Amino acid sequence: MAEQVSPNESLETHPILGAIAEREPVRAVAKVRDAHVVVTDRRLAVASDARLMLDVAIDNVRRIQFDIERLRPATLVVVPENPIDEPQVLAVRPEEYRRVAEVLVLLGEQLADGGPAPAEG
């Protein structure tokens, strides 16, 4: 079963996610194998336990691709607008799809609107 990580759960214990949560409210977190994909109102971050692999403003995301193949892990690809920021290619197991879908919906809405999503309340 996939690790269910809520936006406010155990972020303090993860050194990188804790730093992100201190700066901005976290809207969604998906654990994908050895990495976490984190969405705030303005940013997208990908972090392993050891390092921050990507941290960009959502309006600096060029493309997000999610490919699902039969009998193989899915592939999540995040391509930043700036070529200095390294694209991320993450393998996603079927039990992780639902959490990744939540992240993709938030990102998709923000990208479609051309800016950050309004805060819920």
N, C-alpha and C. Protein backbone atom coordinates (compact mmCIF):
# COMPACT_ATOMS: atom_id res chain seq x y z
N MET A 1 0.84 -1.19 0.00
CA MET A 1 0.00 0.00 0.00
C MET A 1 0.88 1.24 0.00
N ALA A 2 0.47 2.27 -0.72
CA ALA A 2 1.25 3.51 -0.81
C ALA A 2 1.19 4.26 0.51
N GLU A 3 2.26 4.96 0.80
CA GLU A 3 2.28 5.78 2.00
C GLU A 3 1.38 6.99 1.76
N GLN A 4 0.38 7.15 2.60
CA GLN A 4 -0.53 8.28 2.49
C GLN A 4 0.04 9.43 3.31
N VAL A 5 0.42 10.49 2.65
CA VAL A 5 1.02 11.63 3.31
C VAL A 5 0.10 12.82 3.13
N SER A 6 -0.48 13.31 4.20
CA SER A 6 -1.32 14.49 4.11
C SER A 6 -0.42 15.72 4.09
N PRO A 7 -0.92 16.83 3.57
CA PRO A 7 -0.09 18.03 3.51
C PRO A 7 0.51 18.47 4.83
N ASN A 8 -0.17 18.19 5.94
CA ASN A 8 0.33 18.65 7.24
C ASN A 8 0.96 17.55 8.07
N GLU A 9 1.02 16.33 7.54
CA GLU A 9 1.48 15.19 8.32
C GLU A 9 2.97 14.96 8.13
N SER A 10 3.69 14.90 9.20
CA SER A 10 5.11 14.55 9.27
C SER A 10 6.03 15.37 8.37
N LEU A 11 5.63 16.58 8.02
CA LEU A 11 6.51 17.43 7.23
C LEU A 11 7.69 17.91 8.08
N GLU A 12 7.44 18.07 9.39
CA GLU A 12 8.51 18.55 10.27
C GLU A 12 9.65 17.55 10.36
N THR A 13 9.33 16.26 10.24
CA THR A 13 10.36 15.24 10.40
C THR A 13 11.19 15.05 9.13
N HIS A 14 10.72 15.55 8.02
CA HIS A 14 11.49 15.47 6.77
C HIS A 14 12.21 16.80 6.62
N PRO A 15 13.54 16.81 6.61
CA PRO A 15 14.25 18.09 6.65
C PRO A 15 13.92 19.02 5.49
N ILE A 16 13.76 18.49 4.31
CA ILE A 16 13.50 19.34 3.14
C ILE A 16 12.05 19.78 3.10
N LEU A 17 11.13 18.85 3.35
CA LEU A 17 9.72 19.20 3.32
C LEU A 17 9.38 20.16 4.44
N GLY A 18 10.02 20.00 5.59
CA GLY A 18 9.81 20.91 6.71
C GLY A 18 10.20 22.33 6.34
N ALA A 19 11.29 22.49 5.61
CA ALA A 19 11.74 23.82 5.18
C ALA A 19 10.73 24.44 4.21
N ILE A 20 10.18 23.63 3.33
CA ILE A 20 9.18 24.13 2.38
C ILE A 20 7.93 24.55 3.14
N ALA A 21 7.47 23.71 4.07
CA ALA A 21 6.26 24.00 4.83
C ALA A 21 6.40 25.24 5.69
N GLU A 22 7.62 25.56 6.13
CA GLU A 22 7.84 26.77 6.91
C GLU A 22 7.64 28.03 6.07
N ARG A 23 7.94 27.93 4.77
CA ARG A 23 7.82 29.09 3.88
C ARG A 23 6.41 29.30 3.37
N GLU A 24 5.70 28.21 3.06
CA GLU A 24 4.39 28.32 2.44
C GLU A 24 3.50 27.17 2.88
N PRO A 25 2.18 27.38 2.90
CA PRO A 25 1.29 26.27 3.22
C PRO A 25 1.35 25.21 2.12
N VAL A 26 1.45 23.97 2.53
CA VAL A 26 1.51 22.86 1.57
C VAL A 26 0.09 22.42 1.24
N ARG A 27 -0.23 22.33 -0.05
CA ARG A 27 -1.57 21.93 -0.50
C ARG A 27 -1.68 20.43 -0.74
N ALA A 28 -0.60 19.81 -1.24
CA ALA A 28 -0.64 18.37 -1.52
C ALA A 28 0.77 17.80 -1.49
N VAL A 29 0.85 16.54 -1.05
CA VAL A 29 2.12 15.81 -1.04
C VAL A 29 1.85 14.41 -1.57
N ALA A 30 2.69 13.96 -2.48
CA ALA A 30 2.60 12.57 -2.95
C ALA A 30 3.97 11.93 -2.79
N LYS A 31 3.98 10.79 -2.12
CA LYS A 31 5.23 10.01 -2.01
C LYS A 31 5.30 9.11 -3.23
N VAL A 32 6.41 9.24 -3.95
CA VAL A 32 6.62 8.47 -5.17
C VAL A 32 7.97 7.77 -5.03
N ARG A 33 7.91 6.48 -4.74
CA ARG A 33 9.11 5.69 -4.46
C ARG A 33 9.98 6.39 -3.42
N ASP A 34 11.15 6.89 -3.81
CA ASP A 34 12.06 7.51 -2.85
C ASP A 34 12.01 9.04 -2.86
N ALA A 35 10.94 9.60 -3.40
CA ALA A 35 10.84 11.06 -3.48
C ALA A 35 9.45 11.51 -3.04
N HIS A 36 9.35 12.79 -2.71
CA HIS A 36 8.07 13.42 -2.41
C HIS A 36 7.85 14.53 -3.44
N VAL A 37 6.64 14.60 -3.96
CA VAL A 37 6.24 15.69 -4.83
C VAL A 37 5.34 16.58 -3.99
N VAL A 38 5.70 17.86 -3.89
CA VAL A 38 5.03 18.79 -2.99
C VAL A 38 4.49 19.97 -3.78
N VAL A 39 3.23 20.33 -3.51
CA VAL A 39 2.61 21.48 -4.15
C VAL A 39 2.16 22.46 -3.08
N THR A 40 2.57 23.72 -3.24
CA THR A 40 2.07 24.80 -2.38
C THR A 40 1.18 25.66 -3.26
N ASP A 41 0.75 26.79 -2.75
CA ASP A 41 -0.06 27.70 -3.57
C ASP A 41 0.73 28.26 -4.75
N ARG A 42 2.06 28.30 -4.61
CA ARG A 42 2.88 28.92 -5.64
C ARG A 42 4.00 28.07 -6.20
N ARG A 43 4.33 26.95 -5.53
CA ARG A 43 5.53 26.21 -5.91
C ARG A 43 5.27 24.73 -6.10
N LEU A 44 6.17 24.14 -6.87
CA LEU A 44 6.23 22.69 -7.04
C LEU A 44 7.64 22.28 -6.64
N ALA A 45 7.72 21.29 -5.77
CA ALA A 45 9.03 20.81 -5.32
C ALA A 45 9.04 19.28 -5.40
N VAL A 46 10.21 18.76 -5.70
CA VAL A 46 10.45 17.32 -5.66
C VAL A 46 11.67 17.12 -4.78
N ALA A 47 11.52 16.29 -3.75
CA ALA A 47 12.60 16.11 -2.79
C ALA A 47 12.76 14.65 -2.43
N SER A 48 14.00 14.22 -2.40
CA SER A 48 14.31 12.91 -1.82
C SER A 48 14.64 13.16 -0.35
N ASP A 49 14.97 12.11 0.38
CA ASP A 49 15.38 12.31 1.77
C ASP A 49 16.71 13.05 1.84
N ALA A 50 17.51 12.93 0.79
CA ALA A 50 18.86 13.49 0.80
C ALA A 50 18.97 14.89 0.21
N ARG A 51 18.08 15.21 -0.75
CA ARG A 51 18.28 16.52 -1.41
C ARG A 51 16.99 17.03 -2.05
N LEU A 52 16.98 18.32 -2.29
CA LEU A 52 15.92 18.97 -3.02
C LEU A 52 16.25 18.84 -4.51
N MET A 53 15.44 18.10 -5.24
CA MET A 53 15.73 17.82 -6.64
C MET A 53 15.16 18.88 -7.57
N LEU A 54 14.05 19.51 -7.17
CA LEU A 54 13.42 20.55 -7.96
C LEU A 54 12.62 21.44 -7.03
N ASP A 55 12.70 22.73 -7.25
CA ASP A 55 11.91 23.70 -6.48
C ASP A 55 11.69 24.90 -7.39
N VAL A 56 10.50 24.96 -8.01
CA VAL A 56 10.21 26.03 -8.97
C VAL A 56 8.82 26.61 -8.72
N ALA A 57 8.65 27.85 -9.12
CA ALA A 57 7.33 28.46 -9.10
C ALA A 57 6.45 27.72 -10.11
N ILE A 58 5.18 27.55 -9.80
CA ILE A 58 4.30 26.81 -10.70
C ILE A 58 4.22 27.47 -12.07
N ASP A 59 4.27 28.80 -12.12
CA ASP A 59 4.24 29.44 -13.44
C ASP A 59 5.53 29.25 -14.22
N ASN A 60 6.51 28.60 -13.62
CA ASN A 60 7.75 28.24 -14.33
C ASN A 60 7.80 26.75 -14.69
N VAL A 61 6.64 26.08 -14.64
CA VAL A 61 6.55 24.69 -15.09
C VAL A 61 6.11 24.71 -16.55
N ARG A 62 6.91 24.12 -17.39
CA ARG A 62 6.62 24.11 -18.83
C ARG A 62 5.66 22.98 -19.20
N ARG A 63 5.93 21.78 -18.65
CA ARG A 63 5.14 20.61 -19.04
C ARG A 63 5.13 19.59 -17.92
N ILE A 64 3.98 18.93 -17.77
CA ILE A 64 3.86 17.79 -16.87
C ILE A 64 3.23 16.67 -17.69
N GLN A 65 3.83 15.52 -17.59
CA GLN A 65 3.35 14.37 -18.35
C GLN A 65 3.21 13.19 -17.39
N PHE A 66 2.10 12.47 -17.51
CA PHE A 66 1.88 11.28 -16.68
C PHE A 66 1.48 10.15 -17.61
N ASP A 67 2.36 9.19 -17.78
CA ASP A 67 2.14 8.06 -18.68
C ASP A 67 1.90 6.80 -17.87
N ILE A 68 0.81 6.14 -18.19
CA ILE A 68 0.50 4.87 -17.54
C ILE A 68 0.58 3.77 -18.59
N GLU A 69 1.34 2.75 -18.29
CA GLU A 69 1.47 1.59 -19.17
C GLU A 69 1.02 0.35 -18.43
N ARG A 70 0.48 -0.57 -19.18
CA ARG A 70 0.06 -1.83 -18.59
C ARG A 70 1.28 -2.62 -18.14
N LEU A 71 1.24 -3.15 -16.93
CA LEU A 71 2.27 -4.03 -16.37
C LEU A 71 3.62 -3.36 -16.13
N ARG A 72 3.63 -2.04 -16.07
CA ARG A 72 4.87 -1.31 -15.76
C ARG A 72 4.52 -0.15 -14.85
N PRO A 73 5.49 0.35 -14.09
CA PRO A 73 5.21 1.57 -13.32
C PRO A 73 4.91 2.73 -14.28
N ALA A 74 4.05 3.62 -13.85
CA ALA A 74 3.78 4.83 -14.63
C ALA A 74 5.00 5.74 -14.55
N THR A 75 5.02 6.74 -15.41
CA THR A 75 6.12 7.71 -15.42
C THR A 75 5.54 9.11 -15.27
N LEU A 76 6.04 9.84 -14.28
CA LEU A 76 5.69 11.24 -14.09
C LEU A 76 6.89 12.06 -14.52
N VAL A 77 6.66 12.97 -15.47
CA VAL A 77 7.73 13.83 -15.99
C VAL A 77 7.34 15.28 -15.72
N VAL A 78 8.24 16.02 -15.10
CA VAL A 78 8.04 17.45 -14.84
C VAL A 78 9.17 18.18 -15.54
N VAL A 79 8.80 19.07 -16.48
CA VAL A 79 9.80 19.83 -17.23
C VAL A 79 9.66 21.31 -16.87
N PRO A 80 10.66 21.87 -16.20
CA PRO A 80 10.62 23.29 -15.87
C PRO A 80 10.86 24.17 -17.11
N GLU A 81 10.39 25.38 -17.03
CA GLU A 81 10.58 26.34 -18.13
C GLU A 81 12.06 26.68 -18.32
N ASN A 82 12.75 26.89 -17.21
CA ASN A 82 14.16 27.28 -17.26
C ASN A 82 15.04 26.04 -17.46
N PRO A 83 15.86 26.02 -18.51
CA PRO A 83 16.70 24.85 -18.76
C PRO A 83 17.74 24.58 -17.67
N ILE A 84 17.99 25.53 -16.80
CA ILE A 84 18.93 25.33 -15.70
C ILE A 84 18.34 24.36 -14.67
N ASP A 85 17.01 24.38 -14.52
CA ASP A 85 16.33 23.48 -13.60
C ASP A 85 16.18 22.12 -14.27
N GLU A 86 16.68 21.09 -13.61
CA GLU A 86 16.71 19.75 -14.18
C GLU A 86 15.32 19.12 -14.23
N PRO A 87 14.89 18.63 -15.41
CA PRO A 87 13.61 17.92 -15.47
C PRO A 87 13.63 16.71 -14.55
N GLN A 88 12.47 16.35 -14.04
CA GLN A 88 12.35 15.22 -13.14
C GLN A 88 11.55 14.11 -13.81
N VAL A 89 12.07 12.91 -13.76
CA VAL A 89 11.39 11.73 -14.29
C VAL A 89 11.28 10.74 -13.13
N LEU A 90 10.04 10.46 -12.72
CA LEU A 90 9.80 9.64 -11.55
C LEU A 90 8.93 8.43 -11.92
N ALA A 91 9.33 7.27 -11.46
CA ALA A 91 8.52 6.06 -11.62
C ALA A 91 7.44 6.06 -10.54
N VAL A 92 6.22 5.73 -10.92
CA VAL A 92 5.08 5.76 -10.01
C VAL A 92 4.40 4.40 -10.01
N ARG A 93 4.33 3.78 -8.84
CA ARG A 93 3.65 2.49 -8.71
C ARG A 93 2.13 2.69 -8.69
N PRO A 94 1.36 1.69 -9.12
CA PRO A 94 -0.10 1.83 -9.16
C PRO A 94 -0.72 2.28 -7.84
N GLU A 95 -0.18 1.82 -6.72
CA GLU A 95 -0.75 2.22 -5.43
C GLU A 95 -0.48 3.69 -5.10
N GLU A 96 0.36 4.36 -5.88
CA GLU A 96 0.67 5.78 -5.68
C GLU A 96 -0.13 6.69 -6.61
N TYR A 97 -0.88 6.12 -7.54
CA TYR A 97 -1.61 6.91 -8.55
C TYR A 97 -2.56 7.93 -7.94
N ARG A 98 -3.32 7.53 -6.92
CA ARG A 98 -4.35 8.43 -6.37
C ARG A 98 -3.72 9.70 -5.80
N ARG A 99 -2.64 9.58 -5.04
CA ARG A 99 -1.97 10.75 -4.48
C ARG A 99 -1.36 11.62 -5.58
N VAL A 100 -0.76 10.98 -6.56
CA VAL A 100 -0.19 11.72 -7.69
C VAL A 100 -1.30 12.45 -8.44
N ALA A 101 -2.45 11.81 -8.59
CA ALA A 101 -3.58 12.45 -9.27
C ALA A 101 -4.01 13.72 -8.55
N GLU A 102 -4.02 13.70 -7.22
CA GLU A 102 -4.37 14.90 -6.46
C GLU A 102 -3.40 16.03 -6.76
N VAL A 103 -2.12 15.70 -6.80
CA VAL A 103 -1.09 16.69 -7.13
C VAL A 103 -1.30 17.22 -8.54
N LEU A 104 -1.58 16.33 -9.48
CA LEU A 104 -1.76 16.73 -10.88
C LEU A 104 -2.98 17.62 -11.06
N VAL A 105 -4.06 17.34 -10.34
CA VAL A 105 -5.25 18.19 -10.43
C VAL A 105 -4.93 19.60 -9.96
N LEU A 106 -4.27 19.74 -8.81
CA LEU A 106 -3.91 21.07 -8.32
C LEU A 106 -3.01 21.81 -9.31
N LEU A 107 -1.99 21.10 -9.79
CA LEU A 107 -1.08 21.73 -10.75
C LEU A 107 -1.78 22.09 -12.05
N GLY A 108 -2.60 21.18 -12.54
CA GLY A 108 -3.31 21.43 -13.79
C GLY A 108 -4.23 22.64 -13.70
N GLU A 109 -4.94 22.77 -12.59
CA GLU A 109 -5.82 23.93 -12.40
C GLU A 109 -5.02 25.22 -12.38
N GLN A 110 -3.89 25.20 -11.68
CA GLN A 110 -3.08 26.41 -11.60
C GLN A 110 -2.44 26.76 -12.95
N LEU A 111 -1.99 25.76 -13.68
CA LEU A 111 -1.40 26.01 -14.99
C LEU A 111 -2.45 26.51 -15.98
N ALA A 112 -3.66 25.96 -15.92
CA ALA A 112 -4.74 26.37 -16.82
C ALA A 112 -5.17 27.81 -16.57
N ASP A 113 -5.12 28.21 -15.29
CA ASP A 113 -5.50 29.58 -14.93
C ASP A 113 -4.38 30.57 -15.18
N GLY A 114 -3.18 30.05 -15.39
CA GLY A 114 -2.05 30.94 -15.62
C GLY A 114 -1.45 31.52 -14.36
N GLY A 115 -1.83 31.00 -13.20
CA GLY A 115 -1.28 31.53 -11.96
C GLY A 115 -1.62 30.64 -10.80
N PRO A 116 -1.26 31.08 -9.61
CA PRO A 116 -1.52 30.29 -8.40
C PRO A 116 -3.01 30.11 -8.17
N ALA A 117 -3.39 28.98 -7.62
CA ALA A 117 -4.78 28.72 -7.27
C ALA A 117 -5.14 29.55 -6.03
N PRO A 118 -6.40 29.97 -5.93
CA PRO A 118 -6.81 30.69 -4.73
C PRO A 118 -6.80 29.77 -3.53
N ALA A 119 -6.52 30.32 -2.38
CA ALA A 119 -6.50 29.52 -1.15
C ALA A 119 -7.91 29.08 -0.82
N GLU A 120 -8.04 27.85 -0.33
CA GLU A 120 -9.36 27.35 0.07
C GLU A 120 -9.73 27.95 1.40
N GLY A 121 -11.00 28.11 1.62
CA GLY A 121 -11.38 28.62 2.91
C GLY A 121 -12.78 28.84 3.01
